[in-house]
Amino acid sequence: MADEPNKVRAEIRARQAEDGKKAMAEYEANASATRAKTEKLRALRLAKEAADLAAPKPPAKTKAKAKATGAKKKKAAPDGKLSDWLENQSDSGRNT
């Protein structure tokens, strides 16, 4: 009877060792697939960056083109001095 619990424990340990080997193989396969995917993506990124550097850059928009395309204009600062503006404000009844 003493041999029976030892036999059961040995079977359990054997199953655990087998499960461990399977899990490790699966882990290594996933790691290998991840490394391969990373290498592929890195190669694609480097190729794209090289192509971007080799390609001519489009000319920058100039102010004339911006005006022609209907870009929003900034409001021009009103001509005159601050003292003129303050006088105008006080004449209009502003109390500040």
PDB file of N, CA and C in Angstrom:
ATOM      1  N   MET A   1       0.805  -1.193   0.000  1.00  0.00           N
ATOM      2  CA  MET A   1       0.000   0.000   0.000  1.00  0.00           C
ATOM      3  C   MET A   1       0.851   1.261   0.000  1.00  0.00           C
ATOM      4  N   ALA A   2       1.999   1.193   0.553  1.00  0.00           N
ATOM      5  CA  ALA A   2       2.872   2.359   0.600  1.00  0.00           C
ATOM      6  C   ALA A   2       3.380   2.707  -0.783  1.00  0.00           C
ATOM      7  N   ASP A   3       3.433   1.716  -1.649  1.00  0.00           N
ATOM      8  CA  ASP A   3       3.912   1.963  -3.008  1.00  0.00           C
ATOM      9  C   ASP A   3       2.877   2.698  -3.843  1.00  0.00           C
ATOM     10  N   GLU A   4       1.615   2.495  -3.548  1.00  0.00           N
ATOM     11  CA  GLU A   4       0.549   3.117  -4.343  1.00  0.00           C
ATOM     12  C   GLU A   4       0.586   4.655  -4.288  1.00  0.00           C
ATOM     13  N   PRO A   5       0.675   5.334  -3.125  1.00  0.00           N
ATOM     14  CA  PRO A   5       0.756   6.802  -3.117  1.00  0.00           C
ATOM     15  C   PRO A   5       2.013   7.308  -3.824  1.00  0.00           C
ATOM     16  N   ASN A   6       3.105   6.582  -3.713  1.00  0.00           N
ATOM     17  CA  ASN A   6       4.327   6.991  -4.411  1.00  0.00           C
ATOM     18  C   ASN A   6       4.152   6.901  -5.922  1.00  0.00           C
ATOM     19  N   LYS A   7       3.448   5.860  -6.349  1.00  0.00           N
ATOM     20  CA  LYS A   7       3.191   5.667  -7.776  1.00  0.00           C
ATOM     21  C   LYS A   7       2.301   6.799  -8.306  1.00  0.00           C
ATOM     22  N   VAL A   8       1.297   7.181  -7.547  1.00  0.00           N
ATOM     23  CA  VAL A   8       0.384   8.271  -7.935  1.00  0.00           C
ATOM     24  C   VAL A   8       1.158   9.588  -8.015  1.00  0.00           C
ATOM     25  N   ARG A   9       2.001   9.828  -6.999  1.00  0.00           N
ATOM     26  CA  ARG A   9       2.801  11.064  -7.017  1.00  0.00           C
ATOM     27  C   ARG A   9       3.733  11.097  -8.223  1.00  0.00           C
ATOM     28  N   ALA A  10       4.309   9.961  -8.551  1.00  0.00           N
ATOM     29  CA  ALA A  10       5.217   9.896  -9.703  1.00  0.00           C
ATOM     30  C   ALA A  10       4.468  10.189 -11.003  1.00  0.00           C
ATOM     31  N   GLU A  11       3.243   9.657 -11.103  1.00  0.00           N
ATOM     32  CA  GLU A  11       2.436   9.923 -12.298  1.00  0.00           C
ATOM     33  C   GLU A  11       2.073  11.407 -12.386  1.00  0.00           C
ATOM     34  N   ILE A  12       1.723  11.998 -11.263  1.00  0.00           N
ATOM     35  CA  ILE A  12       1.373  13.427 -11.239  1.00  0.00           C
ATOM     36  C   ILE A  12       2.575  14.259 -11.655  1.00  0.00           C
ATOM     37  N   ARG A  13       3.746  13.935 -11.108  1.00  0.00           N
ATOM     38  CA  ARG A  13       4.957  14.685 -11.461  1.00  0.00           C
ATOM     39  C   ARG A  13       5.299  14.512 -12.939  1.00  0.00           C
ATOM     40  N   ALA A  14       5.083  13.323 -13.470  1.00  0.00           N
ATOM     41  CA  ALA A  14       5.354  13.077 -14.886  1.00  0.00           C
ATOM     42  C   ALA A  14       4.414  13.918 -15.765  1.00  0.00           C
ATOM     43  N   ARG A  15       3.129  13.968 -15.377  1.00  0.00           N
ATOM     44  CA  ARG A  15       2.160  14.792 -16.119  1.00  0.00           C
ATOM     45  C   ARG A  15       2.521  16.269 -16.037  1.00  0.00           C
ATOM     46  N   GLN A  16       2.920  16.703 -14.852  1.00  0.00           N
ATOM     47  CA  GLN A  16       3.313  18.106 -14.688  1.00  0.00           C
ATOM     48  C   GLN A  16       4.544  18.442 -15.532  1.00  0.00           C
ATOM     49  N   ALA A  17       5.500  17.551 -15.588  1.00  0.00           N
ATOM     50  CA  ALA A  17       6.702  17.770 -16.397  1.00  0.00           C
ATOM     51  C   ALA A  17       6.335  17.850 -17.878  1.00  0.00           C
ATOM     52  N   GLU A  18       5.422  16.959 -18.301  1.00  0.00           N
ATOM     53  CA  GLU A  18       4.975  16.974 -19.701  1.00  0.00           C
ATOM     54  C   GLU A  18       4.236  18.279 -20.011  1.00  0.00           C
ATOM     55  N   ASP A  19       3.357  18.707 -19.100  1.00  0.00           N
ATOM     56  CA  ASP A  19       2.629  19.968 -19.292  1.00  0.00           C
ATOM     57  C   ASP A  19       3.606  21.151 -19.336  1.00  0.00           C
ATOM     58  N   GLY A  20       4.630  21.087 -18.491  1.00  0.00           N
ATOM     59  CA  GLY A  20       5.630  22.147 -18.483  1.00  0.00           C
ATOM     60  C   GLY A  20       6.384  22.226 -19.802  1.00  0.00           C
ATOM     61  N   LYS A  21       6.717  21.069 -20.363  1.00  0.00           N
ATOM     62  CA  LYS A  21       7.410  21.046 -21.657  1.00  0.00           C
ATOM     63  C   LYS A  21       6.521  21.622 -22.761  1.00  0.00           C
ATOM     64  N   LYS A  22       5.226  21.259 -22.729  1.00  0.00           N
ATOM     65  CA  LYS A  22       4.290  21.787 -23.729  1.00  0.00           C
ATOM     66  C   LYS A  22       4.138  23.298 -23.598  1.00  0.00           C
ATOM     67  N   ALA A  23       4.015  23.770 -22.364  1.00  0.00           N
ATOM     68  CA  ALA A  23       3.849  25.206 -22.125  1.00  0.00           C
ATOM     69  C   ALA A  23       5.091  25.966 -22.566  1.00  0.00           C
ATOM     70  N   MET A  24       6.267  25.409 -22.290  1.00  0.00           N
ATOM     71  CA  MET A  24       7.506  26.076 -22.678  1.00  0.00           C
ATOM     72  C   MET A  24       7.638  26.117 -24.200  1.00  0.00           C
ATOM     73  N   ALA A  25       7.258  25.044 -24.870  1.00  0.00           N
ATOM     74  CA  ALA A  25       7.309  25.020 -26.336  1.00  0.00           C
ATOM     75  C   ALA A  25       6.358  26.061 -26.919  1.00  0.00           C
ATOM     76  N   GLU A  26       5.176  26.175 -26.335  1.00  0.00           N
ATOM     77  CA  GLU A  26       4.209  27.166 -26.803  1.00  0.00           C
ATOM     78  C   GLU A  26       4.728  28.590 -26.578  1.00  0.00           C
ATOM     79  N   TYR A  27       5.323  28.805 -25.421  1.00  0.00           N
ATOM     80  CA  TYR A  27       5.891  30.124 -25.101  1.00  0.00           C
ATOM     81  C   TYR A  27       6.996  30.495 -26.093  1.00  0.00           C
ATOM     82  N   GLU A  28       7.882  29.541 -26.366  1.00  0.00           N
ATOM     83  CA  GLU A  28       8.979  29.808 -27.297  1.00  0.00           C
ATOM     84  C   GLU A  28       8.459  30.040 -28.715  1.00  0.00           C
ATOM     85  N   ALA A  29       7.415  29.333 -29.126  1.00  0.00           N
ATOM     86  CA  ALA A  29       6.831  29.537 -30.456  1.00  0.00           C
ATOM     87  C   ALA A  29       6.231  30.938 -30.558  1.00  0.00           C
ATOM     88  N   ASN A  30       5.522  31.375 -29.506  1.00  0.00           N
ATOM     89  CA  ASN A  30       4.940  32.725 -29.513  1.00  0.00           C
ATOM     90  C   ASN A  30       6.025  33.793 -29.537  1.00  0.00           C
ATOM     91  N   ALA A  31       7.093  33.575 -28.778  1.00  0.00           N
ATOM     92  CA  ALA A  31       8.193  34.544 -28.750  1.00  0.00           C
ATOM     93  C   ALA A  31       8.870  34.614 -30.108  1.00  0.00           C
ATOM     94  N   SER A  32       9.049  33.480 -30.748  1.00  0.00           N
ATOM     95  CA  SER A  32       9.672  33.450 -32.073  1.00  0.00           C
ATOM     96  C   SER A  32       8.794  34.167 -33.104  1.00  0.00           C
ATOM     97  N   ALA A  33       7.494  33.941 -33.037  1.00  0.00           N
ATOM     98  CA  ALA A  33       6.569  34.605 -33.958  1.00  0.00           C
ATOM     99  C   ALA A  33       6.582  36.119 -33.734  1.00  0.00           C
ATOM    100  N   THR A  34       6.636  36.542 -32.482  1.00  0.00           N
ATOM    101  CA  THR A  34       6.682  37.972 -32.164  1.00  0.00           C
ATOM    102  C   THR A  34       7.965  38.597 -32.701  1.00  0.00           C
ATOM    103  N   ARG A  35       9.089  37.909 -32.522  1.00  0.00           N
ATOM    104  CA  ARG A  35      10.360  38.432 -33.043  1.00  0.00           C
ATOM    105  C   ARG A  35      10.326  38.550 -34.558  1.00  0.00           C
ATOM    106  N   ALA A  36       9.771  37.551 -35.240  1.00  0.00           N
ATOM    107  CA  ALA A  36       9.686  37.587 -36.699  1.00  0.00           C
ATOM    108  C   ALA A  36       8.807  38.744 -37.160  1.00  0.00           C
ATOM    109  N   LYS A  37       7.677  38.941 -36.489  1.00  0.00           N
ATOM    110  CA  LYS A  37       6.773  40.036 -36.851  1.00  0.00           C
ATOM    111  C   LYS A  37       7.452  41.384 -36.620  1.00  0.00           C
ATOM    112  N   THR A  38       8.191  41.499 -35.513  1.00  0.00           N
ATOM    113  CA  THR A  38       8.892  42.746 -35.199  1.00  0.00           C
ATOM    114  C   THR A  38       9.949  43.056 -36.253  1.00  0.00           C
ATOM    115  N   GLU A  39      10.698  42.042 -36.663  1.00  0.00           N
ATOM    116  CA  GLU A  39      11.720  42.239 -37.692  1.00  0.00           C
ATOM    117  C   GLU A  39      11.090  42.682 -39.007  1.00  0.00           C
ATOM    118  N   LYS A  40       9.974  42.084 -39.369  1.00  0.00           N
ATOM    119  CA  LYS A  40       9.284  42.447 -40.616  1.00  0.00           C
ATOM    120  C   LYS A  40       8.809  43.893 -40.560  1.00  0.00           C
ATOM    121  N   LEU A  41       8.178  44.269 -39.442  1.00  0.00           N
ATOM    122  CA  LEU A  41       7.677  45.638 -39.311  1.00  0.00           C
ATOM    123  C   LEU A  41       8.814  46.654 -39.287  1.00  0.00           C
ATOM    124  N   ARG A  42       9.923  46.312 -38.640  1.00  0.00           N
ATOM    125  CA  ARG A  42      11.085  47.204 -38.602  1.00  0.00           C
ATOM    126  C   ARG A  42      11.628  47.423 -40.014  1.00  0.00           C
ATOM    127  N   ALA A  43      11.708  46.337 -40.797  1.00  0.00           N
ATOM    128  CA  ALA A  43      12.196  46.453 -42.174  1.00  0.00           C
ATOM    129  C   ALA A  43      11.265  47.340 -43.002  1.00  0.00           C
ATOM    130  N   LEU A  44       9.961  47.178 -42.820  1.00  0.00           N
ATOM    131  CA  LEU A  44       9.003  48.011 -43.552  1.00  0.00           C
ATOM    132  C   LEU A  44       9.131  49.484 -43.152  1.00  0.00           C
ATOM    133  N   ARG A  45       9.292  49.730 -41.852  1.00  0.00           N
ATOM    134  CA  ARG A  45       9.426  51.118 -41.381  1.00  0.00           C
ATOM    135  C   ARG A  45      10.703  51.760 -41.921  1.00  0.00           C
ATOM    136  N   LEU A  46      11.799  51.031 -41.875  1.00  0.00           N
ATOM    137  CA  LEU A  46      13.058  51.584 -42.378  1.00  0.00           C
ATOM    138  C   LEU A  46      12.988  51.849 -43.877  1.00  0.00           C
ATOM    139  N   ALA A  47      12.327  50.968 -44.624  1.00  0.00           N
ATOM    140  CA  ALA A  47      12.170  51.177 -46.055  1.00  0.00           C
ATOM    141  C   ALA A  47      11.320  52.414 -46.333  1.00  0.00           C
ATOM    142  N   LYS A  48      10.255  52.598 -45.561  1.00  0.00           N
ATOM    143  CA  LYS A  48       9.398  53.773 -45.743  1.00  0.00           C
ATOM    144  C   LYS A  48      10.151  55.046 -45.413  1.00  0.00           C
ATOM    145  N   GLU A  49      10.929  55.032 -44.322  1.00  0.00           N
ATOM    146  CA  GLU A  49      11.694  56.215 -43.953  1.00  0.00           C
ATOM    147  C   GLU A  49      12.725  56.548 -45.017  1.00  0.00           C
ATOM    148  N   ALA A  50      13.370  55.541 -45.596  1.00  0.00           N
ATOM    149  CA  ALA A  50      14.345  55.773 -46.656  1.00  0.00           C
ATOM    150  C   ALA A  50      13.663  56.346 -47.893  1.00  0.00           C
ATOM    151  N   ALA A  51      12.479  55.838 -48.206  1.00  0.00           N
ATOM    152  CA  ALA A  51      11.741  56.352 -49.366  1.00  0.00           C
ATOM    153  C   ALA A  51      11.299  57.793 -49.128  1.00  0.00           C
ATOM    154  N   ASP A  52      10.893  58.104 -47.911  1.00  0.00           N
ATOM    155  CA  ASP A  52      10.478  59.471 -47.590  1.00  0.00           C
ATOM    156  C   ASP A  52      11.641  60.443 -47.708  1.00  0.00           C
ATOM    157  N   LEU A  53      12.830  60.015 -47.307  1.00  0.00           N
ATOM    158  CA  LEU A  53      13.999  60.886 -47.411  1.00  0.00           C
ATOM    159  C   LEU A  53      14.424  61.084 -48.863  1.00  0.00           C
ATOM    160  N   ALA A  54      14.253  60.055 -49.681  1.00  0.00           N
ATOM    161  CA  ALA A  54      14.665  60.131 -51.079  1.00  0.00           C
ATOM    162  C   ALA A  54      13.666  60.911 -51.931  1.00  0.00           C
ATOM    163  N   ALA A  55      12.408  60.928 -51.531  1.00  0.00           N
ATOM    164  CA  ALA A  55      11.366  61.605 -52.316  1.00  0.00           C
ATOM    165  C   ALA A  55      11.516  63.118 -52.186  1.00  0.00           C
ATOM    166  N   PRO A  56      11.272  63.845 -53.297  1.00  0.00           N
ATOM    167  CA  PRO A  56      11.343  65.308 -53.202  1.00  0.00           C
ATOM    168  C   PRO A  56      10.190  65.845 -52.370  1.00  0.00           C
ATOM    169  N   LYS A  57      10.489  66.848 -51.598  1.00  0.00           N
ATOM    170  CA  LYS A  57       9.466  67.441 -50.741  1.00  0.00           C
ATOM    171  C   LYS A  57       8.646  68.441 -51.555  1.00  0.00           C
ATOM    172  N   PRO A  58       7.345  68.506 -51.305  1.00  0.00           N
ATOM    173  CA  PRO A  58       6.524  69.484 -52.019  1.00  0.00           C
ATOM    174  C   PRO A  58       6.892  70.895 -51.559  1.00  0.00           C
ATOM    175  N   PRO A  59       6.778  71.870 -52.468  1.00  0.00           N
ATOM    176  CA  PRO A  59       7.124  73.235 -52.077  1.00  0.00           C
ATOM    177  C   PRO A  59       6.179  73.763 -51.008  1.00  0.00           C
ATOM    178  N   ALA A  60       6.705  74.584 -50.141  1.00  0.00           N
ATOM    179  CA  ALA A  60       5.899  75.160 -49.073  1.00  0.00           C
ATOM    180  C   ALA A  60       4.982  76.231 -49.650  1.00  0.00           C
ATOM    181  N   LYS A  61       3.828  76.412 -49.035  1.00  0.00           N
ATOM    182  CA  LYS A  61       2.898  77.442 -49.490  1.00  0.00           C
ATOM    183  C   LYS A  61       3.459  78.811 -49.163  1.00  0.00           C
ATOM    184  N   THR A  62       3.310  79.697 -50.088  1.00  0.00           N
ATOM    185  CA  THR A  62       3.748  81.067 -49.840  1.00  0.00           C
ATOM    186  C   THR A  62       2.555  81.897 -49.425  1.00  0.00           C
ATOM    187  N   LYS A  63       2.820  83.101 -48.995  1.00  0.00           N
ATOM    188  CA  LYS A  63       1.724  83.979 -48.575  1.00  0.00           C
ATOM    189  C   LYS A  63       0.792  84.287 -49.733  1.00  0.00           C
ATOM    190  N   ALA A  64       1.344  84.435 -50.928  1.00  0.00           N
ATOM    191  CA  ALA A  64       0.514  84.741 -52.080  1.00  0.00           C
ATOM    192  C   ALA A  64      -0.451  83.581 -52.353  1.00  0.00           C
ATOM    193  N   LYS A  65       0.057  82.364 -52.239  1.00  0.00           N
ATOM    194  CA  LYS A  65      -0.816  81.210 -52.458  1.00  0.00           C
ATOM    195  C   LYS A  65      -1.856  81.104 -51.357  1.00  0.00           C
ATOM    196  N   ALA A  66      -1.476  81.414 -50.148  1.00  0.00           N
ATOM    197  CA  ALA A  66      -2.419  81.348 -49.036  1.00  0.00           C
ATOM    198  C   ALA A  66      -3.547  82.342 -49.243  1.00  0.00           C
ATOM    199  N   LYS A  67      -3.233  83.531 -49.714  1.00  0.00           N
ATOM    200  CA  LYS A  67      -4.270  84.527 -49.971  1.00  0.00           C
ATOM    201  C   LYS A  67      -5.148  84.092 -51.124  1.00  0.00           C
ATOM    202  N   ALA A  68      -4.537  83.472 -52.133  1.00  0.00           N
ATOM    203  CA  ALA A  68      -5.297  83.044 -53.305  1.00  0.00           C
ATOM    204  C   ALA A  68      -6.245  81.904 -52.957  1.00  0.00           C
ATOM    205  N   THR A  69      -5.890  81.087 -52.000  1.00  0.00           N
ATOM    206  CA  THR A  69      -6.742  79.956 -51.655  1.00  0.00           C
ATOM    207  C   THR A  69      -7.835  80.333 -50.675  1.00  0.00           C
ATOM    208  N   GLY A  70      -7.871  81.578 -50.255  1.00  0.00           N
ATOM    209  CA  GLY A  70      -8.944  82.029 -49.372  1.00  0.00           C
ATOM    210  C   GLY A  70      -8.656  81.777 -47.909  1.00  0.00           C
ATOM    211  N   ALA A  71      -7.409  81.787 -47.541  1.00  0.00           N
ATOM    212  CA  ALA A  71      -7.064  81.589 -46.134  1.00  0.00           C
ATOM    213  C   ALA A  71      -7.590  82.754 -45.313  1.00  0.00           C
ATOM    214  N   LYS A  72      -7.882  82.497 -44.055  1.00  0.00           N
ATOM    215  CA  LYS A  72      -8.409  83.542 -43.184  1.00  0.00           C
ATOM    216  C   LYS A  72      -7.349  84.610 -42.973  1.00  0.00           C
ATOM    217  N   LYS A  73      -7.812  85.839 -42.990  1.00  0.00           N
ATOM    218  CA  LYS A  73      -6.900  86.952 -42.781  1.00  0.00           C
ATOM    219  C   LYS A  73      -6.937  87.359 -41.318  1.00  0.00           C
ATOM    220  N   LYS A  74      -5.799  87.778 -40.828  1.00  0.00           N
ATOM    221  CA  LYS A  74      -5.764  88.324 -39.478  1.00  0.00           C
ATOM    222  C   LYS A  74      -6.274  89.752 -39.551  1.00  0.00           C
ATOM    223  N   LYS A  75      -6.937  90.161 -38.491  1.00  0.00           N
ATOM    224  CA  LYS A  75      -7.391  91.538 -38.451  1.00  0.00           C
ATOM    225  C   LYS A  75      -6.187  92.437 -38.298  1.00  0.00           C
ATOM    226  N   ALA A  76      -6.129  93.438 -39.122  1.00  0.00           N
ATOM    227  CA  ALA A  76      -5.023  94.379 -39.050  1.00  0.00           C
ATOM    228  C   ALA A  76      -5.211  95.259 -37.825  1.00  0.00           C
ATOM    229  N   ALA A  77      -4.122  95.606 -37.188  1.00  0.00           N
ATOM    230  CA  ALA A  77      -4.189  96.479 -36.020  1.00  0.00           C
ATOM    231  C   ALA A  77      -4.643  97.860 -36.496  1.00  0.00           C
ATOM    232  N   PRO A  78      -5.560  98.489 -35.777  1.00  0.00           N
ATOM    233  CA  PRO A  78      -6.028  99.800 -36.205  1.00  0.00           C
ATOM    234  C   PRO A  78      -4.904 100.820 -36.100  1.00  0.00           C
ATOM    235  N   ASP A  79      -4.910 101.712 -37.069  1.00  0.00           N
ATOM    236  CA  ASP A  79      -3.915 102.780 -37.050  1.00  0.00           C
ATOM    237  C   ASP A  79      -4.294 103.785 -35.968  1.00  0.00           C
ATOM    238  N   GLY A  80      -3.329 104.351 -35.355  1.00  0.00           N
ATOM    239  CA  GLY A  80      -3.592 105.350 -34.333  1.00  0.00           C
ATOM    240  C   GLY A  80      -2.848 105.026 -33.055  1.00  0.00           C
ATOM    241  N   LYS A  81      -2.960 105.947 -32.139  1.00  0.00           N
ATOM    242  CA  LYS A  81      -2.242 105.799 -30.881  1.00  0.00           C
ATOM    243  C   LYS A  81      -3.203 105.389 -29.785  1.00  0.00           C
ATOM    244  N   LEU A  82      -2.632 104.901 -28.709  1.00  0.00           N
ATOM    245  CA  LEU A  82      -3.430 104.499 -27.566  1.00  0.00           C
ATOM    246  C   LEU A  82      -4.152 105.703 -26.966  1.00  0.00           C
ATOM    247  N   SER A  83      -3.487 106.827 -26.935  1.00  0.00           N
ATOM    248  CA  SER A  83      -4.120 108.022 -26.358  1.00  0.00           C
ATOM    249  C   SER A  83      -5.358 108.426 -27.155  1.00  0.00           C
ATOM    250  N   ASP A  84      -5.312 108.287 -28.491  1.00  0.00           N
ATOM    251  CA  ASP A  84      -6.485 108.578 -29.313  1.00  0.00           C
ATOM    252  C   ASP A  84      -7.634 107.633 -28.977  1.00  0.00           C
ATOM    253  N   TRP A  85      -7.303 106.389 -28.797  1.00  0.00           N
ATOM    254  CA  TRP A  85      -8.329 105.402 -28.484  1.00  0.00           C
ATOM    255  C   TRP A  85      -8.950 105.697 -27.119  1.00  0.00           C
ATOM    256  N   LEU A  86      -8.097 106.042 -26.131  1.00  0.00           N
ATOM    257  CA  LEU A  86      -8.614 106.359 -24.797  1.00  0.00           C
ATOM    258  C   LEU A  86      -9.520 107.583 -24.837  1.00  0.00           C
ATOM    259  N   GLU A  87      -9.155 108.587 -25.589  1.00  0.00           N
ATOM    260  CA  GLU A  87     -10.009 109.776 -25.725  1.00  0.00           C
ATOM    261  C   GLU A  87     -11.341 109.394 -26.347  1.00  0.00           C
ATOM    262  N   ASN A  88     -11.302 108.574 -27.361  1.00  0.00           N
ATOM    263  CA  ASN A  88     -12.523 108.142 -28.032  1.00  0.00           C
ATOM    264  C   ASN A  88     -13.414 107.380 -27.052  1.00  0.00           C
ATOM    265  N   GLN A  89     -12.818 106.529 -26.224  1.00  0.00           N
ATOM    266  CA  GLN A  89     -13.587 105.778 -25.243  1.00  0.00           C
ATOM    267  C   GLN A  89     -14.228 106.699 -24.199  1.00  0.00           C
ATOM    268  N   SER A  90     -13.466 107.676 -23.724  1.00  0.00           N
ATOM    269  CA  SER A  90     -14.018 108.577 -22.711  1.00  0.00           C
ATOM    270  C   SER A  90     -15.096 109.488 -23.315  1.00  0.00           C
ATOM    271  N   ASP A  91     -14.948 109.863 -24.570  1.00  0.00           N
ATOM    272  CA  ASP A  91     -15.969 110.684 -25.234  1.00  0.00           C
ATOM    273  C   ASP A  91     -17.246 109.895 -25.468  1.00  0.00           C
ATOM    274  N   SER A  92     -17.132 108.579 -25.584  1.00  0.00           N
ATOM    275  CA  SER A  92     -18.335 107.796 -25.838  1.00  0.00           C
ATOM    276  C   SER A  92     -19.097 107.470 -24.561  1.00  0.00           C
ATOM    277  N   GLY A  93     -18.616 107.959 -23.411  1.00  0.00           N
ATOM    278  CA  GLY A  93     -19.315 107.746 -22.165  1.00  0.00           C
ATOM    279  C   GLY A  93     -18.832 106.551 -21.393  1.00  0.00           C
ATOM    280  N   ARG A  94     -17.737 105.999 -21.768  1.00  0.00           N
ATOM    281  CA  ARG A  94     -17.176 104.849 -21.049  1.00  0.00           C
ATOM    282  C   ARG A  94     -16.489 105.345 -19.786  1.00  0.00           C
ATOM    283  N   ASN A  95     -16.717 104.714 -18.648  1.00  0.00           N
ATOM    284  CA  ASN A  95     -16.214 105.183 -17.374  1.00  0.00           C
ATOM    285  C   ASN A  95     -14.986 104.439 -16.873  1.00  0.00           C
ATOM    286  N   THR A  96     -14.379 103.653 -17.648  1.00  0.00           N
ATOM    287  CA  THR A  96     -13.258 102.864 -17.160  1.00  0.00           C
ATOM    288  C   THR A  96     -11.963 103.599 -17.264  1.00  0.00           C
TER     289      THR A  96
END
